All heavy atoms as atom14 arrays in JSON, in Angstrom:
{
  "sequence": "MKPYKNLLFIFSFLLCGQAFAQNDVTIAAIRKEYN",
  "atom14_mask": [
    [1, 1, 1, 1, 1, 1, 1, 1, 0, 0, 0, 0, 0, 0],
    [1, 1, 1, 1, 1, 1, 1, 1, 1, 0, 0, 0, 0, 0],
    [1, 1, 1, 1, 1, 1, 1, 0, 0, 0, 0, 0, 0, 0],
    [1, 1, 1, 1, 1, 1, 1, 1, 1, 1, 1, 1, 0, 0],
    [1, 1, 1, 1, 1, 1, 1, 1, 1, 0, 0, 0, 0, 0],
    [1, 1, 1, 1, 1, 1, 1, 1, 0, 0, 0, 0, 0, 0],
    [1, 1, 1, 1, 1, 1, 1, 1, 0, 0, 0, 0, 0, 0],
    [1, 1, 1, 1, 1, 1, 1, 1, 0, 0, 0, 0, 0, 0],
    [1, 1, 1, 1, 1, 1, 1, 1, 1, 1, 1, 0, 0, 0],
    [1, 1, 1, 1, 1, 1, 1, 1, 0, 0, 0, 0, 0, 0],
    [1, 1, 1, 1, 1, 1, 1, 1, 1, 1, 1, 0, 0, 0],
    [1, 1, 1, 1, 1, 1, 0, 0, 0, 0, 0, 0, 0, 0],
    [1, 1, 1, 1, 1, 1, 1, 1, 1, 1, 1, 0, 0, 0],
    [1, 1, 1, 1, 1, 1, 1, 1, 0, 0, 0, 0, 0, 0],
    [1, 1, 1, 1, 1, 1, 1, 1, 0, 0, 0, 0, 0, 0],
    [1, 1, 1, 1, 1, 1, 0, 0, 0, 0, 0, 0, 0, 0],
    [1, 1, 1, 1, 0, 0, 0, 0, 0, 0, 0, 0, 0, 0],
    [1, 1, 1, 1, 1, 1, 1, 1, 1, 0, 0, 0, 0, 0],
    [1, 1, 1, 1, 1, 0, 0, 0, 0, 0, 0, 0, 0, 0],
    [1, 1, 1, 1, 1, 1, 1, 1, 1, 1, 1, 0, 0, 0],
    [1, 1, 1, 1, 1, 0, 0, 0, 0, 0, 0, 0, 0, 0],
    [1, 1, 1, 1, 1, 1, 1, 1, 1, 0, 0, 0, 0, 0],
    [1, 1, 1, 1, 1, 1, 1, 1, 0, 0, 0, 0, 0, 0],
    [1, 1, 1, 1, 1, 1, 1, 1, 0, 0, 0, 0, 0, 0],
    [1, 1, 1, 1, 1, 1, 1, 0, 0, 0, 0, 0, 0, 0],
    [1, 1, 1, 1, 1, 1, 1, 0, 0, 0, 0, 0, 0, 0],
    [1, 1, 1, 1, 1, 1, 1, 1, 0, 0, 0, 0, 0, 0],
    [1, 1, 1, 1, 1, 0, 0, 0, 0, 0, 0, 0, 0, 0],
    [1, 1, 1, 1, 1, 0, 0, 0, 0, 0, 0, 0, 0, 0],
    [1, 1, 1, 1, 1, 1, 1, 1, 0, 0, 0, 0, 0, 0],
    [1, 1, 1, 1, 1, 1, 1, 1, 1, 1, 1, 0, 0, 0],
    [1, 1, 1, 1, 1, 1, 1, 1, 1, 0, 0, 0, 0, 0],
    [1, 1, 1, 1, 1, 1, 1, 1, 1, 0, 0, 0, 0, 0],
    [1, 1, 1, 1, 1, 1, 1, 1, 1, 1, 1, 1, 0, 0],
    [1, 1, 1, 1, 1, 1, 1, 1, 0, 0, 0, 0, 0, 0]
  ],
  "atom14_positions": [
    [[19.0, 7.4, -9.61], [20.13, 6.68, -9.06], [19.72, 5.81, -7.89], [20.27, 4.76, -7.69], [21.22, 7.68, -8.66], [22.55, 7.03, -8.36], [23.23, 6.34, -9.84], [24.85, 6.91, -9.77], [0.0, 0.0, 0.0], [0.0, 0.0, 0.0], [0.0, 0.0, 0.0], [0.0, 0.0, 0.0], [0.0, 0.0, 0.0], [0.0, 0.0, 0.0]],
    [[18.77, 6.28, -7.1], [18.34, 5.56, -5.92], [17.81, 4.16, -6.24], [18.1, 3.21, -5.54], [17.31, 6.37, -5.14], [17.05, 5.85, -3.78], [16.18, 6.78, -2.99], [16.03, 6.26, -1.58], [15.25, 7.12, -0.75], [0.0, 0.0, 0.0], [0.0, 0.0, 0.0], [0.0, 0.0, 0.0], [0.0, 0.0, 0.0], [0.0, 0.0, 0.0]],
    [[16.99, 3.96, -7.3], [16.5, 2.61, -7.61], [17.65, 1.62, -7.86], [17.55, 0.45, -7.51], [15.64, 2.79, -8.86], [15.26, 4.22, -8.86], [16.38, 4.96, -8.18], [0.0, 0.0, 0.0], [0.0, 0.0, 0.0], [0.0, 0.0, 0.0], [0.0, 0.0, 0.0], [0.0, 0.0, 0.0], [0.0, 0.0, 0.0], [0.0, 0.0, 0.0]],
    [[18.74, 2.07, -8.45], [19.87, 1.19, -8.7], [20.54, 0.75, -7.39], [20.97, -0.38, -7.25], [20.89, 1.86, -9.62], [20.38, 2.04, -11.02], [20.16, 3.31, -11.52], [20.11, 0.95, -11.83], [19.67, 3.5, -12.8], [19.62, 1.13, -13.11], [19.4, 2.38, -13.59], [18.92, 2.55, -14.85], [0.0, 0.0, 0.0], [0.0, 0.0, 0.0]],
    [[20.6, 1.67, -6.43], [21.16, 1.32, -5.12], [20.31, 0.26, -4.45], [20.82, -0.68, -3.85], [21.29, 2.56, -4.23], [22.41, 3.47, -4.61], [22.51, 4.62, -3.62], [23.64, 5.54, -4.01], [23.77, 6.67, -3.08], [0.0, 0.0, 0.0], [0.0, 0.0, 0.0], [0.0, 0.0, 0.0], [0.0, 0.0, 0.0], [0.0, 0.0, 0.0]],
    [[18.99, 0.4, -4.57], [18.09, -0.59, -3.99], [18.27, -1.95, -4.66], [18.28, -2.99, -4.0], [16.63, -0.14, -4.09], [16.32, 1.0, -3.14], [17.05, 1.21, -2.17], [15.25, 1.72, -3.43], [0.0, 0.0, 0.0], [0.0, 0.0, 0.0], [0.0, 0.0, 0.0], [0.0, 0.0, 0.0], [0.0, 0.0, 0.0], [0.0, 0.0, 0.0]],
    [[18.38, -1.94, -5.98], [18.6, -3.2, -6.7], [19.93, -3.84, -6.32], [20.01, -5.06, -6.15], [18.55, -2.96, -8.22], [17.17, -2.78, -8.82], [17.28, -2.43, -10.3], [16.34, -4.03, -8.63], [0.0, 0.0, 0.0], [0.0, 0.0, 0.0], [0.0, 0.0, 0.0], [0.0, 0.0, 0.0], [0.0, 0.0, 0.0], [0.0, 0.0, 0.0]],
    [[20.95, -3.03, -6.17], [22.26, -3.54, -5.77], [22.18, -4.16, -4.37], [22.72, -5.23, -4.13], [23.3, -2.42, -5.81], [24.73, -2.83, -5.46], [25.25, -3.89, -6.43], [25.65, -1.61, -5.51], [0.0, 0.0, 0.0], [0.0, 0.0, 0.0], [0.0, 0.0, 0.0], [0.0, 0.0, 0.0], [0.0, 0.0, 0.0], [0.0, 0.0, 0.0]],
    [[21.48, -3.48, -3.48], [21.31, -4.0, -2.12], [20.56, -5.33, -2.14], [20.96, -6.29, -1.51], [20.56, -2.98, -1.26], [20.21, -3.51, 0.1], [21.18, -3.62, 1.09], [18.92, -3.94, 0.38], [20.86, -4.14, 2.34], [18.6, -4.45, 1.63], [19.58, -4.55, 2.61], [0.0, 0.0, 0.0], [0.0, 0.0, 0.0], [0.0, 0.0, 0.0]],
    [[19.47, -5.4, -2.9], [18.67, -6.63, -2.98], [19.51, -7.76, -3.59], [19.5, -8.89, -3.1], [17.38, -6.38, -3.78], [16.45, -5.46, -2.98], [16.67, -7.69, -4.13], [15.26, -4.93, -3.77], [0.0, 0.0, 0.0], [0.0, 0.0, 0.0], [0.0, 0.0, 0.0], [0.0, 0.0, 0.0], [0.0, 0.0, 0.0], [0.0, 0.0, 0.0]],
    [[20.23, -7.47, -4.65], [21.08, -8.47, -5.3], [22.14, -8.98, -4.32], [22.37, -10.18, -4.21], [21.74, -7.88, -6.55], [22.57, -8.87, -7.31], [21.96, -9.92, -7.99], [23.94, -8.76, -7.33], [22.74, -10.84, -8.68], [24.72, -9.66, -8.02], [24.11, -10.71, -8.71], [0.0, 0.0, 0.0], [0.0, 0.0, 0.0], [0.0, 0.0, 0.0]],
    [[22.8, -8.09, -3.6], [23.81, -8.48, -2.61], [23.19, -9.33, -1.51], [23.76, -10.33, -1.08], [24.47, -7.24, -1.98], [25.14, -6.51, -2.95], [0.0, 0.0, 0.0], [0.0, 0.0, 0.0], [0.0, 0.0, 0.0], [0.0, 0.0, 0.0], [0.0, 0.0, 0.0], [0.0, 0.0, 0.0], [0.0, 0.0, 0.0], [0.0, 0.0, 0.0]],
    [[22.01, -8.95, -1.05], [21.31, -9.7, 0.0], [21.0, -11.11, -0.48], [21.19, -12.09, 0.25], [20.03, -8.96, 0.4], [19.25, -9.66, 1.46], [19.65, -9.62, 2.79], [18.11, -10.38, 1.13], [18.92, -10.27, 3.78], [17.38, -11.03, 2.1], [17.79, -10.98, 3.43], [0.0, 0.0, 0.0], [0.0, 0.0, 0.0], [0.0, 0.0, 0.0]],
    [[20.51, -11.23, -1.72], [20.19, -12.55, -2.26], [21.43, -13.42, -2.39], [21.39, -14.62, -2.1], [19.5, -12.41, -3.62], [18.07, -11.85, -3.57], [17.55, -11.6, -4.99], [17.14, -12.78, -2.8], [0.0, 0.0, 0.0], [0.0, 0.0, 0.0], [0.0, 0.0, 0.0], [0.0, 0.0, 0.0], [0.0, 0.0, 0.0], [0.0, 0.0, 0.0]],
    [[22.53, -12.85, -2.83], [23.78, -13.61, -2.93], [24.24, -14.1, -1.56], [24.64, -15.25, -1.41], [24.87, -12.79, -3.59], [24.8, -12.64, -5.1], [25.92, -11.73, -5.6], [24.87, -13.98, -5.79], [0.0, 0.0, 0.0], [0.0, 0.0, 0.0], [0.0, 0.0, 0.0], [0.0, 0.0, 0.0], [0.0, 0.0, 0.0], [0.0, 0.0, 0.0]],
    [[24.19, -13.23, -0.57], [24.57, -13.63, 0.79], [23.64, -14.71, 1.31], [24.07, -15.67, 1.93], [24.57, -12.43, 1.74], [25.91, -11.29, 1.42], [0.0, 0.0, 0.0], [0.0, 0.0, 0.0], [0.0, 0.0, 0.0], [0.0, 0.0, 0.0], [0.0, 0.0, 0.0], [0.0, 0.0, 0.0], [0.0, 0.0, 0.0], [0.0, 0.0, 0.0]],
    [[22.36, -14.56, 1.07], [21.39, -15.56, 1.52], [21.63, -16.9, 0.87], [21.53, -17.95, 1.51], [0.0, 0.0, 0.0], [0.0, 0.0, 0.0], [0.0, 0.0, 0.0], [0.0, 0.0, 0.0], [0.0, 0.0, 0.0], [0.0, 0.0, 0.0], [0.0, 0.0, 0.0], [0.0, 0.0, 0.0], [0.0, 0.0, 0.0], [0.0, 0.0, 0.0]],
    [[22.01, -16.89, -0.41], [22.31, -18.14, -1.12], [23.54, -18.8, -0.52], [23.58, -20.01, -0.33], [22.51, -17.86, -2.6], [22.73, -19.12, -3.41], [22.89, -18.82, -4.9], [23.03, -17.68, -5.31], [22.88, -19.87, -5.69], [0.0, 0.0, 0.0], [0.0, 0.0, 0.0], [0.0, 0.0, 0.0], [0.0, 0.0, 0.0], [0.0, 0.0, 0.0]],
    [[24.56, -18.03, -0.16], [25.77, -18.59, 0.45], [25.45, -19.21, 1.8], [25.92, -20.29, 2.12], [26.84, -17.51, 0.59], [0.0, 0.0, 0.0], [0.0, 0.0, 0.0], [0.0, 0.0, 0.0], [0.0, 0.0, 0.0], [0.0, 0.0, 0.0], [0.0, 0.0, 0.0], [0.0, 0.0, 0.0], [0.0, 0.0, 0.0], [0.0, 0.0, 0.0]],
    [[24.63, -18.52, 2.61], [24.25, -19.07, 3.9], [23.43, -20.34, 3.73], [23.59, -21.3, 4.47], [23.49, -18.05, 4.75], [24.37, -17.0, 5.33], [24.14, -15.65, 5.06], [25.44, -17.33, 6.15], [24.96, -14.67, 5.61], [26.26, -16.35, 6.7], [26.02, -15.03, 6.42], [0.0, 0.0, 0.0], [0.0, 0.0, 0.0], [0.0, 0.0, 0.0]],
    [[22.53, -20.35, 2.76], [21.69, -21.53, 2.51], [22.56, -22.71, 2.1], [22.36, -23.83, 2.56], [20.65, -21.22, 1.45], [0.0, 0.0, 0.0], [0.0, 0.0, 0.0], [0.0, 0.0, 0.0], [0.0, 0.0, 0.0], [0.0, 0.0, 0.0], [0.0, 0.0, 0.0], [0.0, 0.0, 0.0], [0.0, 0.0, 0.0], [0.0, 0.0, 0.0]],
    [[23.55, -22.49, 1.23], [24.46, -23.56, 0.81], [25.24, -24.07, 2.01], [25.42, -25.27, 2.18], [25.4, -23.05, -0.27], [26.33, -24.13, -0.8], [27.25, -23.6, -1.88], [27.26, -22.43, -2.2], [28.05, -24.49, -2.43], [0.0, 0.0, 0.0], [0.0, 0.0, 0.0], [0.0, 0.0, 0.0], [0.0, 0.0, 0.0], [0.0, 0.0, 0.0]],
    [[25.71, -23.16, 2.87], [26.43, -23.53, 4.08], [25.55, -24.42, 4.94], [25.99, -25.47, 5.42], [26.84, -22.26, 4.83], [27.71, -22.54, 6.02], [28.1, -23.66, 6.29], [28.01, -21.5, 6.76], [0.0, 0.0, 0.0], [0.0, 0.0, 0.0], [0.0, 0.0, 0.0], [0.0, 0.0, 0.0], [0.0, 0.0, 0.0], [0.0, 0.0, 0.0]],
    [[24.29, -24.03, 5.16], [23.37, -24.81, 5.97], [23.12, -26.18, 5.37], [23.02, -27.17, 6.1], [22.04, -24.07, 6.14], [22.17, -22.84, 7.03], [23.18, -22.73, 7.76], [21.27, -21.98, 6.98], [0.0, 0.0, 0.0], [0.0, 0.0, 0.0], [0.0, 0.0, 0.0], [0.0, 0.0, 0.0], [0.0, 0.0, 0.0], [0.0, 0.0, 0.0]],
    [[23.01, -26.27, 4.05], [22.78, -27.55, 3.38], [23.98, -28.47, 3.59], [23.81, -29.65, 3.88], [22.49, -27.33, 1.88], [22.53, -28.63, 1.11], [21.15, -26.64, 1.7], [0.0, 0.0, 0.0], [0.0, 0.0, 0.0], [0.0, 0.0, 0.0], [0.0, 0.0, 0.0], [0.0, 0.0, 0.0], [0.0, 0.0, 0.0], [0.0, 0.0, 0.0]],
    [[25.18, -27.95, 3.47], [26.39, -28.76, 3.66], [26.48, -29.28, 5.09], [26.72, -30.47, 5.31], [27.65, -27.94, 3.3], [27.56, -27.57, 1.92], [28.91, -28.75, 3.53], [0.0, 0.0, 0.0], [0.0, 0.0, 0.0], [0.0, 0.0, 0.0], [0.0, 0.0, 0.0], [0.0, 0.0, 0.0], [0.0, 0.0, 0.0], [0.0, 0.0, 0.0]],
    [[26.28, -28.41, 6.05], [26.33, -28.81, 7.47], [25.23, -29.84, 7.74], [25.46, -30.85, 8.41], [26.22, -27.59, 8.4], [27.39, -26.63, 8.19], [26.09, -28.02, 9.86], [28.75, -27.21, 8.48], [0.0, 0.0, 0.0], [0.0, 0.0, 0.0], [0.0, 0.0, 0.0], [0.0, 0.0, 0.0], [0.0, 0.0, 0.0], [0.0, 0.0, 0.0]],
    [[24.04, -29.6, 7.22], [22.92, -30.52, 7.43], [23.21, -31.9, 6.84], [22.89, -32.92, 7.46], [21.64, -29.95, 6.83], [0.0, 0.0, 0.0], [0.0, 0.0, 0.0], [0.0, 0.0, 0.0], [0.0, 0.0, 0.0], [0.0, 0.0, 0.0], [0.0, 0.0, 0.0], [0.0, 0.0, 0.0], [0.0, 0.0, 0.0], [0.0, 0.0, 0.0]],
    [[23.85, -31.94, 5.68], [24.19, -33.23, 5.06], [25.22, -33.98, 5.89], [25.12, -35.21, 6.06], [24.71, -32.99, 3.64], [0.0, 0.0, 0.0], [0.0, 0.0, 0.0], [0.0, 0.0, 0.0], [0.0, 0.0, 0.0], [0.0, 0.0, 0.0], [0.0, 0.0, 0.0], [0.0, 0.0, 0.0], [0.0, 0.0, 0.0], [0.0, 0.0, 0.0]],
    [[26.2, -33.28, 6.44], [27.21, -33.92, 7.29], [26.55, -34.43, 8.57], [26.81, -35.57, 9.0], [28.37, -32.95, 7.58], [29.17, -32.67, 6.3], [29.29, -33.52, 8.68], [30.18, -31.55, 6.41], [0.0, 0.0, 0.0], [0.0, 0.0, 0.0], [0.0, 0.0, 0.0], [0.0, 0.0, 0.0], [0.0, 0.0, 0.0], [0.0, 0.0, 0.0]],
    [[25.7, -33.63, 9.16], [25.0, -34.06, 10.39], [24.1, -35.27, 10.12], [24.0, -36.17, 10.94], [24.17, -32.91, 10.95], [25.01, -31.86, 11.61], [24.16, -30.74, 12.18], [25.02, -29.76, 12.82], [24.69, -28.49, 12.99], [23.51, -28.05, 12.57], [25.51, -27.67, 13.59], [0.0, 0.0, 0.0], [0.0, 0.0, 0.0], [0.0, 0.0, 0.0]],
    [[23.45, -35.28, 8.97], [22.58, -36.41, 8.61], [23.41, -37.69, 8.52], [23.0, -38.73, 9.03], [21.87, -36.12, 7.29], [20.91, -37.2, 6.87], [20.19, -36.83, 5.58], [19.26, -37.95, 5.17], [18.59, -37.65, 3.89], [0.0, 0.0, 0.0], [0.0, 0.0, 0.0], [0.0, 0.0, 0.0], [0.0, 0.0, 0.0], [0.0, 0.0, 0.0]],
    [[24.56, -37.62, 7.88], [25.42, -38.81, 7.75], [25.97, -39.22, 9.12], [26.04, -40.41, 9.44], [26.55, -38.54, 6.76], [27.45, -39.73, 6.51], [26.76, -40.89, 5.79], [25.56, -40.8, 5.44], [27.43, -41.92, 5.6], [0.0, 0.0, 0.0], [0.0, 0.0, 0.0], [0.0, 0.0, 0.0], [0.0, 0.0, 0.0], [0.0, 0.0, 0.0]],
    [[26.36, -38.26, 9.94], [26.82, -38.52, 11.31], [25.75, -39.27, 12.09], [26.02, -40.29, 12.72], [27.15, -37.17, 11.97], [27.37, -37.22, 13.46], [28.64, -37.41, 13.98], [26.31, -37.04, 14.35], [28.86, -37.44, 15.36], [26.52, -37.06, 15.72], [27.79, -37.26, 16.22], [27.99, -37.29, 17.57], [0.0, 0.0, 0.0], [0.0, 0.0, 0.0]],
    [[24.51, -38.79, 12.04], [23.4, -39.44, 12.74], [23.11, -40.82, 12.18], [22.81, -41.76, 12.93], [22.14, -38.57, 12.71], [22.28, -37.35, 13.59], [22.95, -37.37, 14.62], [21.66, -36.25, 13.18], [0.0, 0.0, 0.0], [0.0, 0.0, 0.0], [0.0, 0.0, 0.0], [0.0, 0.0, 0.0], [0.0, 0.0, 0.0], [0.0, 0.0, 0.0]]
  ]
}
């Protein structure tokens, strides 16, 4: 059971990281146009 918990944690971490990366890309694009 423990390996599944680790996989779930890694999968959740990757999803959160992808959301933050998308957020950063959007903000960076707006800042680039502003500049």
